[in-house]
Protein backbone atom coordinates (compact mmCIF):
# COMPACT_ATOMS: atom_id res chain seq x y z
CA UNK A 1 1.54 -3.42 -21.31
CA UNK A 2 5.20 -4.46 -21.55
CA UNK A 3 6.92 -5.95 -18.47
CA UNK A 4 9.32 -2.96 -18.29
CA UNK A 5 6.54 -0.34 -18.40
CA UNK A 6 4.58 -2.34 -15.83
CA UNK A 7 7.63 -2.54 -13.60
CA UNK A 8 8.26 1.22 -13.88
CA UNK A 9 4.68 1.89 -12.78
CA UNK A 10 5.19 -0.43 -9.80
CA UNK A 11 8.34 1.52 -8.91
CA UNK A 12 6.33 4.76 -9.13
CA UNK A 13 3.66 3.24 -6.87
CA UNK A 14 6.38 2.21 -4.43
CA UNK A 15 7.72 5.77 -4.32
CA UNK A 16 4.24 7.10 -3.52
CA UNK A 17 3.44 4.54 -0.80
CA UNK A 18 6.87 4.21 0.82
CA UNK A 19 6.80 7.40 2.96
CA UNK A 20 3.38 6.50 4.42
CA UNK A 21 4.78 4.95 7.61
CA UNK A 22 6.76 8.15 8.27
CA UNK A 23 3.72 10.34 7.54
CA UNK A 24 1.62 8.24 9.93
CA UNK A 25 4.18 8.73 12.71
CA UNK A 26 4.09 12.50 12.13
CA UNK A 27 0.29 12.61 12.13
CA UNK A 28 0.05 10.51 15.31
CA UNK A 29 1.81 13.29 17.21
CA UNK A 30 -1.49 15.20 17.43
CA UNK A 31 -4.25 13.13 15.80
CA UNK A 32 -5.86 9.84 16.93
CA UNK A 33 -5.91 6.95 14.41
CA UNK A 34 -9.47 7.14 13.05
CA UNK A 35 -9.25 10.90 12.66
CA UNK A 36 -6.04 10.49 10.65
CA UNK A 37 -7.72 8.03 8.30
CA UNK A 38 -10.85 10.19 8.01
CA UNK A 39 -8.86 13.32 7.14
CA UNK A 40 -6.66 11.37 4.75
CA UNK A 41 -9.48 9.90 2.68
CA UNK A 42 -11.62 13.05 2.80
CA UNK A 43 -8.81 15.22 1.44
CA UNK A 44 -8.10 12.60 -1.22
CA UNK A 45 -11.78 12.46 -2.20
CA UNK A 46 -11.91 16.26 -2.50
CA UNK A 47 -8.83 16.39 -4.73
CA UNK A 48 -10.03 13.58 -6.99
CA UNK A 49 -13.54 15.05 -7.06
CA UNK A 50 -12.12 18.34 -8.36
CA UNK A 51 -10.21 16.40 -11.04
CA UNK A 52 -13.42 14.67 -12.15
CA UNK A 53 -15.27 17.98 -12.15
CA UNK A 54 -12.57 19.51 -14.35
CA UNK A 55 -12.74 16.51 -16.71
CA UNK A 56 -16.58 16.59 -16.65
CA UNK A 57 -16.56 12.93 -15.78
CA UNK A 58 -19.24 11.41 -13.57
CA UNK A 59 -19.73 8.17 -11.63
CA UNK A 60 -21.60 5.09 -12.88
CA UNK A 61 -25.15 5.02 -11.55
CA UNK A 62 -25.62 1.25 -11.22
CA UNK A 63 -25.85 -0.26 -7.74
CA UNK A 64 -23.32 -3.00 -8.54
CA UNK A 65 -20.55 -0.41 -9.05
CA UNK A 66 -21.18 1.19 -5.65
CA UNK A 67 -21.44 -2.17 -3.87
CA UNK A 68 -18.12 -3.30 -5.31
CA UNK A 69 -16.57 0.10 -4.60
CA UNK A 70 -17.70 -0.16 -0.97
CA UNK A 71 -16.10 -3.59 -0.54
CA UNK A 72 -12.90 -2.38 -2.21
CA UNK A 73 -12.88 0.75 -0.07
CA UNK A 74 -13.13 -1.30 3.10
CA UNK A 75 -10.45 -3.84 2.12
CA UNK A 76 -7.89 -1.53 0.51
CA UNK A 77 -8.09 1.56 2.68
CA UNK A 78 -10.62 1.81 5.52
CA UNK A 79 -9.51 -1.35 7.34
CA UNK A 80 -5.73 -1.40 6.65
CA UNK A 81 -5.29 2.38 7.07
CA UNK A 82 -6.98 2.20 10.46
CA UNK A 83 -5.10 -0.91 11.54
CA UNK A 84 -1.70 0.53 10.66
CA UNK A 85 -2.48 3.78 12.49
CA UNK A 86 -3.49 1.71 15.53
CA UNK A 87 -0.43 -0.56 15.21
CA UNK A 88 2.07 2.28 14.98
CA UNK A 89 0.98 3.56 18.36
CA UNK A 90 2.69 0.51 19.91
CA UNK A 91 5.19 -0.85 17.37
CA UNK A 92 8.15 0.67 15.51
CA UNK A 93 7.71 1.90 11.93
CA UNK A 94 10.39 -0.59 10.88
CA UNK A 95 8.45 -3.48 12.39
CA UNK A 96 5.27 -2.26 10.69
CA UNK A 97 7.12 -2.22 7.37
CA UNK A 98 8.38 -5.78 7.89
CA UNK A 99 4.90 -7.06 8.70
CA UNK A 100 3.51 -5.19 5.70
CA UNK A 101 6.08 -7.11 3.67
CA UNK A 102 4.06 -10.29 4.21
CA UNK A 103 1.44 -8.95 1.76
CA UNK A 104 2.95 -10.67 -1.34
CA UNK A 105 2.88 -14.06 0.38
CA UNK A 106 -0.79 -13.66 1.33
CA UNK A 107 -1.61 -12.35 -2.15
CA UNK A 108 0.12 -15.22 -3.93
CA UNK A 109 -1.95 -17.75 -1.98
CA UNK A 110 -5.25 -15.93 -2.62
CA UNK A 111 -4.43 -15.37 -6.30
CA UNK A 112 -3.64 -19.06 -6.71
CA UNK A 113 -7.16 -19.85 -5.49
CA UNK A 114 -9.22 -17.07 -7.12
CA UNK A 115 -7.39 -15.53 -10.11
CA UNK A 116 -6.93 -17.85 -13.07
CA UNK A 117 -4.47 -15.50 -14.82
CA UNK A 118 -2.18 -15.21 -11.78
CA UNK A 119 -1.32 -18.77 -10.83
CA UNK A 120 1.87 -19.47 -8.91
CA UNK A 121 4.82 -20.82 -10.85
CA UNK A 122 8.51 -21.38 -10.23
CA UNK A 123 9.57 -17.93 -11.44
CA UNK A 124 7.09 -16.10 -9.21
CA UNK A 125 8.00 -18.29 -6.24
CA UNK A 126 11.69 -17.49 -6.71
CA UNK A 127 10.94 -13.77 -7.04
CA UNK A 128 8.86 -13.69 -3.86
CA UNK A 129 11.53 -15.68 -1.99
CA UNK A 130 14.26 -13.28 -3.15
CA UNK A 131 12.35 -10.19 -2.08
CA UNK A 132 11.32 -11.76 1.23
CA UNK A 133 14.92 -12.72 2.00
CA UNK A 134 16.12 -9.25 1.06
CA UNK A 135 13.53 -7.71 3.36
CA UNK A 136 14.75 -9.81 6.30
CA UNK A 137 18.39 -8.99 5.53
CA UNK A 138 17.58 -5.29 5.29
CA UNK A 139 16.28 -5.31 8.85
CA UNK A 140 18.73 -7.89 10.23
CA UNK A 141 20.68 -5.33 12.33
CA UNK A 142 17.49 -4.00 13.92
CA UNK A 143 16.17 -7.52 14.44
CA UNK A 144 19.37 -8.40 16.30
CA UNK A 145 19.16 -5.24 18.41
CA UNK A 146 15.48 -5.84 19.08
CA UNK A 147 12.47 -3.79 18.02
CA UNK A 148 9.70 -2.72 20.35
CA UNK A 149 6.11 -3.72 19.77
CA UNK A 150 3.09 -5.20 21.49
CA UNK A 151 1.37 -8.37 20.39
CA UNK A 152 -1.83 -6.48 19.56
CA UNK A 153 0.12 -3.99 17.47
CA UNK A 154 1.84 -6.74 15.50
CA UNK A 155 -1.45 -8.59 14.99
CA UNK A 156 -3.07 -5.37 13.73
CA UNK A 157 -0.25 -4.77 11.22
CA UNK A 158 -0.40 -8.39 10.00
CA UNK A 159 -4.17 -8.19 9.59
CA UNK A 160 -3.70 -4.96 7.64
CA UNK A 161 -1.27 -6.75 5.30
CA UNK A 162 -3.81 -9.54 4.78
CA UNK A 163 -6.50 -6.96 4.06
CA UNK A 164 -4.27 -5.41 1.40
CA UNK A 165 -3.77 -8.83 -0.17
CA UNK A 166 -7.54 -9.42 -0.30
CA UNK A 167 -8.03 -5.99 -1.91
CA UNK A 168 -5.46 -6.77 -4.64
CA UNK A 169 -7.33 -9.94 -5.58
CA UNK A 170 -10.82 -8.44 -5.21
CA UNK A 171 -9.82 -5.35 -7.22
CA UNK A 172 -8.49 -7.48 -10.07
CA UNK A 173 -11.67 -9.52 -10.18
CA UNK A 174 -14.31 -6.81 -9.78
CA UNK A 175 -13.08 -3.20 -10.17
CA UNK A 176 -11.03 -3.06 -13.38
CA UNK A 177 -12.09 -1.26 -16.55
CA UNK A 178 -13.23 2.09 -15.14
CA UNK A 179 -12.29 5.45 -16.67
CA UNK A 180 -9.20 7.08 -15.08
CA UNK A 181 -9.78 8.75 -11.68
CA UNK A 182 -13.34 7.41 -11.32
CA UNK A 183 -12.61 4.33 -9.20
CA UNK A 184 -10.27 5.98 -6.67
CA UNK A 185 -12.53 9.03 -6.32
CA UNK A 186 -15.55 6.83 -5.63
CA UNK A 187 -13.53 4.67 -3.24
CA UNK A 188 -12.45 7.57 -1.04
CA UNK A 189 -15.88 9.17 -1.02
CA UNK A 190 -17.22 5.88 0.35
CA UNK A 191 -14.28 5.68 2.78
CA UNK A 192 -15.10 9.08 4.22
CA UNK A 193 -18.72 8.05 4.80
CA UNK A 194 -17.53 4.82 6.43
CA UNK A 195 -14.98 6.22 8.86
CA UNK A 196 -16.11 9.69 9.99
CA UNK A 197 -18.99 8.37 12.16
CA UNK A 198 -16.55 6.14 14.10
CA UNK A 199 -14.04 8.98 14.43
CA UNK A 200 -16.68 11.30 15.89
CA UNK A 201 -18.04 8.57 18.17
CA UNK A 202 -14.75 7.25 19.59
CA UNK A 203 -12.29 10.15 19.31
CA UNK A 204 -14.23 13.33 20.13
CA UNK A 205 -12.94 15.02 16.98
CA UNK A 206 -14.45 18.45 17.68
CA UNK A 207 -12.51 18.82 20.95
CA UNK A 208 -9.06 17.86 19.73
CA UNK A 209 -6.29 20.44 20.44
CA UNK A 210 -4.78 22.52 17.66
CA UNK A 211 -2.38 20.23 15.75
CA UNK A 212 1.24 21.05 14.98
CA UNK A 213 2.48 21.85 11.47
CA UNK A 214 4.35 18.53 11.35
CA UNK A 215 1.16 16.58 12.13
CA UNK A 216 -0.74 18.54 9.47
CA UNK A 217 2.11 17.84 7.06
CA UNK A 218 1.79 14.14 7.84
CA UNK A 219 -1.91 14.22 6.94
CA UNK A 220 -1.23 16.12 3.71
CA UNK A 221 1.58 13.74 2.75
CA UNK A 222 -0.63 10.73 3.38
CA UNK A 223 -3.46 12.21 1.33
CA UNK A 224 -1.49 13.49 -1.65
CA UNK A 225 1.27 10.92 -2.07
CA UNK A 226 0.05 7.82 -0.25
CA UNK A 227 -3.55 8.12 -1.40
CA UNK A 228 -4.33 10.30 -4.45
CA UNK A 229 -1.22 9.68 -6.57
CA UNK A 230 -0.71 6.14 -5.30
CA UNK A 231 -4.23 4.96 -6.09
CA UNK A 232 -4.30 6.60 -9.52
CA UNK A 233 -1.27 4.45 -10.38
CA UNK A 234 -2.68 1.46 -8.50
CA UNK A 235 -5.94 1.33 -10.48
CA UNK A 236 -4.04 1.66 -13.75
CA UNK A 237 -1.88 -1.30 -12.73
CA UNK A 238 -4.93 -3.37 -11.83
CA UNK A 239 -6.03 -3.16 -15.48
CA UNK A 240 -2.71 -4.55 -16.74
CA UNK A 241 -1.11 -6.47 -13.90
CA UNK A 242 -1.77 -9.46 -11.67
CA UNK A 243 -2.36 -8.96 -7.94
CA UNK A 244 0.81 -10.84 -6.97
CA UNK A 245 3.01 -8.48 -8.99
CA UNK A 246 1.31 -5.39 -7.54
CA UNK A 247 1.69 -6.69 -4.00
CA UNK A 248 5.49 -6.84 -4.39
CA UNK A 249 5.66 -3.10 -3.69
CA UNK A 250 5.26 -3.94 0.01
CA UNK A 251 8.70 -5.56 0.04
CA UNK A 252 10.41 -2.55 -1.49
CA UNK A 253 8.93 0.09 0.88
CA UNK A 254 11.71 -0.28 3.49
CA UNK A 255 14.46 -0.14 0.86
CA UNK A 256 13.08 3.13 -0.50
CA UNK A 257 12.80 4.41 3.07
CA UNK A 258 16.47 3.59 3.65
CA UNK A 259 17.48 5.52 0.52
CA UNK A 260 15.31 8.49 1.47
CA UNK A 261 16.88 8.53 4.93
CA UNK A 262 20.34 8.52 3.36
CA UNK A 263 19.68 11.31 0.86
CA UNK A 264 17.45 13.60 2.94
CA UNK A 265 18.19 12.86 6.60
CA UNK A 266 21.89 12.03 6.52
CA UNK A 267 21.31 8.51 7.88
CA UNK A 268 23.91 5.78 7.49
CA UNK A 269 24.04 3.67 4.33
CA UNK A 270 25.67 0.24 4.53
CA UNK A 271 26.83 -2.23 1.93
CA UNK A 272 24.60 -4.83 3.59
CA UNK A 273 21.60 -2.55 3.15
CA UNK A 274 22.51 -2.00 -0.49
CA UNK A 275 22.83 -5.76 -1.08
CA UNK A 276 19.45 -6.36 0.57
CA UNK A 277 17.81 -3.63 -1.53
CA UNK A 278 19.30 -5.17 -4.68
CA UNK A 279 17.93 -8.58 -3.70
CA UNK A 280 14.45 -7.09 -3.18
CA UNK A 281 14.69 -5.34 -6.54
CA UNK A 282 15.81 -8.58 -8.21
CA UNK A 283 12.78 -10.33 -6.75
CA UNK A 284 10.43 -7.62 -8.06
CA UNK A 285 12.00 -7.84 -11.53
CA UNK A 286 11.60 -11.63 -11.49
CA UNK A 287 7.95 -11.64 -10.40
CA UNK A 288 7.09 -9.02 -13.04
CA UNK A 289 8.77 -10.95 -15.83
CA UNK A 290 11.39 -8.28 -16.60
CA UNK A 291 13.94 -10.98 -15.79
CA UNK A 292 12.79 -14.25 -17.38
CA UNK A 293 14.18 -17.42 -15.85
CA UNK A 294 12.61 -19.47 -18.66
CA UNK A 295 10.45 -21.50 -16.29
CA UNK A 296 7.35 -20.22 -18.05
CA UNK A 297 6.44 -21.09 -21.59
CA UNK A 298 2.79 -20.44 -22.40
CA UNK A 299 0.96 -17.65 -20.62
CA UNK A 300 2.12 -14.14 -19.85
CA UNK A 301 2.58 -13.04 -16.29
CA UNK A 302 -0.46 -11.44 -14.64
């Protein structure tokens, strides 16, 4: 896959995942965290299951596939989805997005240790530094004003980012090569089995009040955009892309959110925000090899 096509898929993945923090806030109006995650993954599993049924495509029957799917399900969705829902009860969405932006740094370290095709080099280091700096600059005004958040909430969001980084590396090592739609469908089926028992035990799901349309819309948005479409693209990228490059989407989430707020909500748009978004984009282009700084000579970028 060419660097440009790979980058365009990463942009598409960014567009699917970026509204997730907003959808979570909407869903939290009427649903507790574990119930949100359970509904999200169950709806995603149902949609992907119907796609597989239409394609007459089944799941592998070997135990190794289901063991690896279970680990991937826990690292890439069950744990981080739950942690972010918990975190956003006590921290701002903007702060959650900043902490999620630490994912590329965690991923780069883990990939350096475990993924031979995704070793750190000067070009990737510069790209990560550019995007990280752009992320800080994007939120500089809010950082100066001060953002609310508890220590537990911030720790939960940081742990979620680390879980995402582990899933990127684990997925590259153990879940690539499946037919389209199979891996994400299996993952969310396993997720539903993992999380529903805890939701029923801790959140008394059957006695929750009737939710509002906005909360239901948040669940549907999370399931369709942040889960089904996002993970279809994500698993395709895993086959052709290194975990560090994939993880860069976390830096661009806030920039996309800023643009969406400008176009759809009439929010302010500043030159500083534009410059920060351009710096994040430049970092993503650099890490993905679309912009080649000529520091690399032999191997292709993961």
